[in-house]
Amino acid sequence: MEQWVQRMIDSFSITPTGINIVEGIYGHDGDGFTGGPHDGRAMNFMSNNIIFGKDAFRVDIIAHWLAGHEPGNFGLFISVLNAGYQMYWTR
């Protein structure tokens, strides 16, 4: 995981993006394949979420939060701050 994080940070430093989009039109609960909380089966549901912005890391943090995760628990965001990237909330 840490190697992926480092590669993503390196890629972002070379090719910054203009706009970043995360779409969540349909959601899928369960383990991602067949198992889930509905009598042992997963279920698809429409969530109609689209998040976009100019700051890739902020868009990703909001997407994690909306998905029910605590963004501070992801090493990606800590690594980004340690790498010295200035995000909007650090200015």
N, C-alpha and C. Protein backbone atom coordinates (compact mmCIF):
# COMPACT_ATOMS: atom_id res chain seq x y z
N MET A 1 0.83 -1.20 0.00
CA MET A 1 0.00 0.00 0.00
C MET A 1 0.87 1.26 0.00
N GLU A 2 1.92 1.25 0.79
CA GLU A 2 2.78 2.44 0.86
C GLU A 2 3.46 2.71 -0.47
N GLN A 3 3.81 1.67 -1.19
CA GLN A 3 4.43 1.85 -2.51
C GLN A 3 3.44 2.49 -3.49
N TRP A 4 2.18 2.07 -3.43
CA TRP A 4 1.16 2.68 -4.28
C TRP A 4 0.99 4.15 -3.94
N VAL A 5 0.96 4.46 -2.65
CA VAL A 5 0.82 5.85 -2.21
C VAL A 5 1.96 6.70 -2.75
N GLN A 6 3.17 6.21 -2.64
CA GLN A 6 4.33 6.96 -3.12
C GLN A 6 4.27 7.16 -4.63
N ARG A 7 3.85 6.14 -5.36
CA ARG A 7 3.73 6.28 -6.82
C ARG A 7 2.66 7.30 -7.19
N MET A 8 1.56 7.31 -6.46
CA MET A 8 0.50 8.26 -6.73
C MET A 8 0.97 9.69 -6.46
N ILE A 9 1.69 9.90 -5.38
CA ILE A 9 2.21 11.23 -5.06
C ILE A 9 3.23 11.67 -6.11
N ASP A 10 4.09 10.76 -6.54
CA ASP A 10 5.06 11.09 -7.59
C ASP A 10 4.36 11.46 -8.89
N SER A 11 3.34 10.71 -9.26
CA SER A 11 2.60 10.98 -10.47
C SER A 11 1.92 12.34 -10.40
N PHE A 12 1.34 12.65 -9.27
CA PHE A 12 0.66 13.93 -9.10
C PHE A 12 1.64 15.10 -9.17
N SER A 13 2.86 14.90 -8.68
CA SER A 13 3.84 15.99 -8.70
C SER A 13 4.29 16.31 -10.12
N ILE A 14 4.22 15.34 -11.02
CA ILE A 14 4.66 15.55 -12.40
C ILE A 14 3.52 16.04 -13.28
N THR A 15 2.33 15.49 -13.09
CA THR A 15 1.19 15.84 -13.94
C THR A 15 0.01 16.28 -13.08
N PRO A 16 0.03 17.52 -12.61
CA PRO A 16 -1.12 17.99 -11.82
C PRO A 16 -2.38 18.05 -12.68
N THR A 17 -3.50 17.86 -12.08
CA THR A 17 -4.77 17.79 -12.81
C THR A 17 -5.48 19.14 -12.79
N GLY A 18 -6.38 19.35 -13.74
CA GLY A 18 -7.17 20.57 -13.79
C GLY A 18 -8.45 20.44 -13.00
N ILE A 19 -9.14 19.31 -13.18
CA ILE A 19 -10.36 19.04 -12.42
C ILE A 19 -10.36 17.56 -12.06
N ASN A 20 -10.87 17.26 -10.90
CA ASN A 20 -10.88 15.88 -10.38
C ASN A 20 -12.32 15.50 -10.10
N ILE A 21 -12.71 14.31 -10.54
CA ILE A 21 -14.09 13.86 -10.42
C ILE A 21 -14.13 12.47 -9.80
N VAL A 22 -15.02 12.32 -8.82
CA VAL A 22 -15.34 11.00 -8.25
C VAL A 22 -16.84 10.84 -8.40
N GLU A 23 -17.24 9.78 -9.07
CA GLU A 23 -18.68 9.56 -9.25
C GLU A 23 -19.12 8.35 -8.44
N GLY A 24 -20.30 8.46 -7.88
CA GLY A 24 -20.88 7.37 -7.13
C GLY A 24 -22.35 7.25 -7.48
N ILE A 25 -22.63 7.04 -8.75
CA ILE A 25 -24.03 6.96 -9.19
C ILE A 25 -24.69 5.72 -8.59
N TYR A 26 -24.00 4.59 -8.67
CA TYR A 26 -24.51 3.36 -8.08
C TYR A 26 -23.55 2.89 -6.99
N GLY A 27 -24.11 2.41 -5.89
CA GLY A 27 -23.31 1.83 -4.82
C GLY A 27 -23.58 0.34 -4.73
N HIS A 28 -22.66 -0.38 -4.12
CA HIS A 28 -22.78 -1.83 -3.96
C HIS A 28 -22.31 -2.16 -2.56
N ASP A 29 -23.20 -2.68 -1.73
CA ASP A 29 -22.78 -3.03 -0.38
C ASP A 29 -22.31 -4.47 -0.33
N GLY A 30 -21.79 -4.86 0.80
CA GLY A 30 -21.29 -6.22 0.93
C GLY A 30 -19.79 -6.29 0.72
N ASP A 31 -19.30 -7.44 0.32
CA ASP A 31 -17.86 -7.63 0.17
C ASP A 31 -17.35 -7.28 -1.23
N GLY A 32 -18.21 -6.75 -2.07
CA GLY A 32 -17.81 -6.35 -3.41
C GLY A 32 -18.09 -7.39 -4.47
N PHE A 33 -18.43 -8.60 -4.07
CA PHE A 33 -18.67 -9.65 -5.04
C PHE A 33 -20.04 -10.28 -4.83
N THR A 34 -20.14 -11.24 -3.95
CA THR A 34 -21.42 -11.94 -3.79
C THR A 34 -21.99 -11.84 -2.38
N GLY A 35 -21.15 -11.77 -1.36
CA GLY A 35 -21.64 -11.75 0.01
C GLY A 35 -22.08 -10.37 0.44
N GLY A 36 -23.14 -10.32 1.26
CA GLY A 36 -23.62 -9.03 1.73
C GLY A 36 -24.58 -9.17 2.89
N PRO A 37 -25.08 -8.05 3.39
CA PRO A 37 -25.94 -8.07 4.57
C PRO A 37 -27.41 -8.41 4.31
N HIS A 38 -27.79 -8.63 3.06
CA HIS A 38 -29.19 -8.91 2.73
C HIS A 38 -29.36 -10.41 2.51
N ASP A 39 -29.57 -11.13 3.61
CA ASP A 39 -29.69 -12.59 3.57
C ASP A 39 -28.47 -13.22 2.90
N GLY A 40 -27.30 -12.67 3.18
CA GLY A 40 -26.06 -13.21 2.64
C GLY A 40 -25.73 -12.76 1.24
N ARG A 41 -26.53 -11.85 0.69
CA ARG A 41 -26.29 -11.38 -0.68
C ARG A 41 -26.04 -9.88 -0.68
N ALA A 42 -25.27 -9.44 -1.66
CA ALA A 42 -25.02 -8.01 -1.83
C ALA A 42 -26.15 -7.38 -2.62
N MET A 43 -26.25 -6.06 -2.53
CA MET A 43 -27.33 -5.37 -3.20
C MET A 43 -26.80 -4.06 -3.82
N ASN A 44 -27.26 -3.74 -5.01
CA ASN A 44 -26.93 -2.47 -5.65
C ASN A 44 -27.98 -1.43 -5.25
N PHE A 45 -27.55 -0.18 -5.13
CA PHE A 45 -28.49 0.89 -4.84
C PHE A 45 -28.01 2.17 -5.51
N MET A 46 -28.94 3.04 -5.84
CA MET A 46 -28.60 4.29 -6.51
C MET A 46 -28.31 5.35 -5.45
N SER A 47 -27.13 5.97 -5.53
CA SER A 47 -26.77 7.00 -4.55
C SER A 47 -26.69 8.39 -5.16
N ASN A 48 -26.46 8.48 -6.47
CA ASN A 48 -26.44 9.76 -7.19
C ASN A 48 -25.49 10.79 -6.56
N ASN A 49 -24.23 10.42 -6.40
CA ASN A 49 -23.22 11.34 -5.88
C ASN A 49 -22.18 11.61 -6.94
N ILE A 50 -21.88 12.89 -7.16
CA ILE A 50 -20.76 13.29 -8.00
C ILE A 50 -20.03 14.38 -7.24
N ILE A 51 -18.74 14.17 -7.04
CA ILE A 51 -17.90 15.13 -6.32
C ILE A 51 -16.83 15.59 -7.30
N PHE A 52 -16.63 16.89 -7.41
CA PHE A 52 -15.57 17.38 -8.29
C PHE A 52 -14.95 18.62 -7.68
N GLY A 53 -13.72 18.86 -8.05
CA GLY A 53 -13.01 20.02 -7.55
C GLY A 53 -11.62 20.12 -8.15
N LYS A 54 -10.93 21.19 -7.81
CA LYS A 54 -9.60 21.42 -8.36
C LYS A 54 -8.50 20.76 -7.54
N ASP A 55 -8.76 20.46 -6.28
CA ASP A 55 -7.78 19.85 -5.39
C ASP A 55 -8.05 18.34 -5.31
N ALA A 56 -7.18 17.54 -5.92
CA ALA A 56 -7.40 16.09 -6.00
C ALA A 56 -7.51 15.45 -4.62
N PHE A 57 -6.70 15.88 -3.69
CA PHE A 57 -6.70 15.24 -2.38
C PHE A 57 -7.93 15.63 -1.57
N ARG A 58 -8.38 16.86 -1.70
CA ARG A 58 -9.60 17.27 -1.00
C ARG A 58 -10.82 16.53 -1.56
N VAL A 59 -10.90 16.38 -2.86
CA VAL A 59 -12.00 15.62 -3.47
C VAL A 59 -11.99 14.19 -2.94
N ASP A 60 -10.82 13.59 -2.85
CA ASP A 60 -10.71 12.22 -2.36
C ASP A 60 -11.08 12.11 -0.89
N ILE A 61 -10.70 13.08 -0.09
CA ILE A 61 -11.05 13.07 1.33
C ILE A 61 -12.56 13.16 1.51
N ILE A 62 -13.21 14.03 0.76
CA ILE A 62 -14.67 14.16 0.86
C ILE A 62 -15.35 12.87 0.40
N ALA A 63 -14.85 12.26 -0.66
CA ALA A 63 -15.42 11.00 -1.14
C ALA A 63 -15.28 9.91 -0.09
N HIS A 64 -14.12 9.83 0.58
CA HIS A 64 -13.94 8.85 1.65
C HIS A 64 -14.94 9.09 2.78
N TRP A 65 -15.10 10.35 3.16
CA TRP A 65 -16.00 10.68 4.26
C TRP A 65 -17.45 10.33 3.90
N LEU A 66 -17.88 10.66 2.68
CA LEU A 66 -19.24 10.33 2.26
C LEU A 66 -19.47 8.83 2.18
N ALA A 67 -18.41 8.07 1.93
CA ALA A 67 -18.53 6.60 1.87
C ALA A 67 -18.53 5.98 3.26
N GLY A 68 -18.37 6.80 4.29
CA GLY A 68 -18.44 6.29 5.66
C GLY A 68 -17.11 5.95 6.28
N HIS A 69 -16.02 6.40 5.68
CA HIS A 69 -14.68 6.14 6.22
C HIS A 69 -14.14 7.38 6.91
N GLU A 70 -13.23 7.18 7.82
CA GLU A 70 -12.55 8.29 8.48
C GLU A 70 -11.31 8.63 7.65
N PRO A 71 -11.28 9.78 6.97
CA PRO A 71 -10.16 10.11 6.08
C PRO A 71 -8.80 10.12 6.78
N GLY A 72 -8.75 10.44 8.05
CA GLY A 72 -7.48 10.47 8.77
C GLY A 72 -6.85 9.10 8.94
N ASN A 73 -7.62 8.04 8.70
CA ASN A 73 -7.09 6.69 8.83
C ASN A 73 -6.38 6.20 7.58
N PHE A 74 -6.38 6.99 6.52
CA PHE A 74 -5.75 6.60 5.27
C PHE A 74 -4.36 7.19 5.19
N GLY A 75 -3.37 6.34 4.98
CA GLY A 75 -1.98 6.78 4.92
C GLY A 75 -1.70 7.72 3.78
N LEU A 76 -2.54 7.69 2.74
CA LEU A 76 -2.33 8.57 1.59
C LEU A 76 -2.34 10.03 2.01
N PHE A 77 -3.29 10.44 2.79
CA PHE A 77 -3.42 11.85 3.13
C PHE A 77 -2.31 12.30 4.07
N ILE A 78 -1.89 11.44 4.98
CA ILE A 78 -0.76 11.76 5.86
C ILE A 78 0.52 11.87 5.03
N SER A 79 0.71 10.97 4.09
CA SER A 79 1.90 11.00 3.23
C SER A 79 1.94 12.25 2.38
N VAL A 80 0.79 12.69 1.92
CA VAL A 80 0.72 13.91 1.11
C VAL A 80 1.17 15.11 1.92
N LEU A 81 0.70 15.20 3.14
CA LEU A 81 1.12 16.31 4.00
C LEU A 81 2.61 16.22 4.32
N ASN A 82 3.10 15.01 4.59
CA ASN A 82 4.52 14.83 4.88
C ASN A 82 5.39 15.15 3.67
N ALA A 83 4.86 14.96 2.46
CA ALA A 83 5.63 15.25 1.24
C ALA A 83 5.71 16.76 0.97
N GLY A 84 4.94 17.54 1.72
CA GLY A 84 5.03 18.99 1.60
C GLY A 84 4.05 19.62 0.64
N TYR A 85 3.03 18.87 0.20
CA TYR A 85 2.04 19.48 -0.68
C TYR A 85 1.16 20.42 0.11
N GLN A 86 0.92 21.58 -0.45
CA GLN A 86 0.04 22.55 0.18
C GLN A 86 -1.38 22.32 -0.29
N MET A 87 -2.23 21.93 0.63
CA MET A 87 -3.63 21.78 0.31
C MET A 87 -4.36 22.99 0.88
N TYR A 88 -5.58 23.18 0.46
CA TYR A 88 -6.30 24.38 0.84
C TYR A 88 -6.39 24.58 2.34
N TRP A 89 -6.58 23.52 3.10
CA TRP A 89 -6.76 23.68 4.54
C TRP A 89 -5.44 23.91 5.27
N THR A 90 -4.30 23.81 4.60
CA THR A 90 -3.02 24.04 5.27
C THR A 90 -2.47 25.43 5.01
N ARG A 91 -3.18 26.23 4.23
CA ARG A 91 -2.70 27.59 3.92
C ARG A 91 -3.02 28.56 5.01
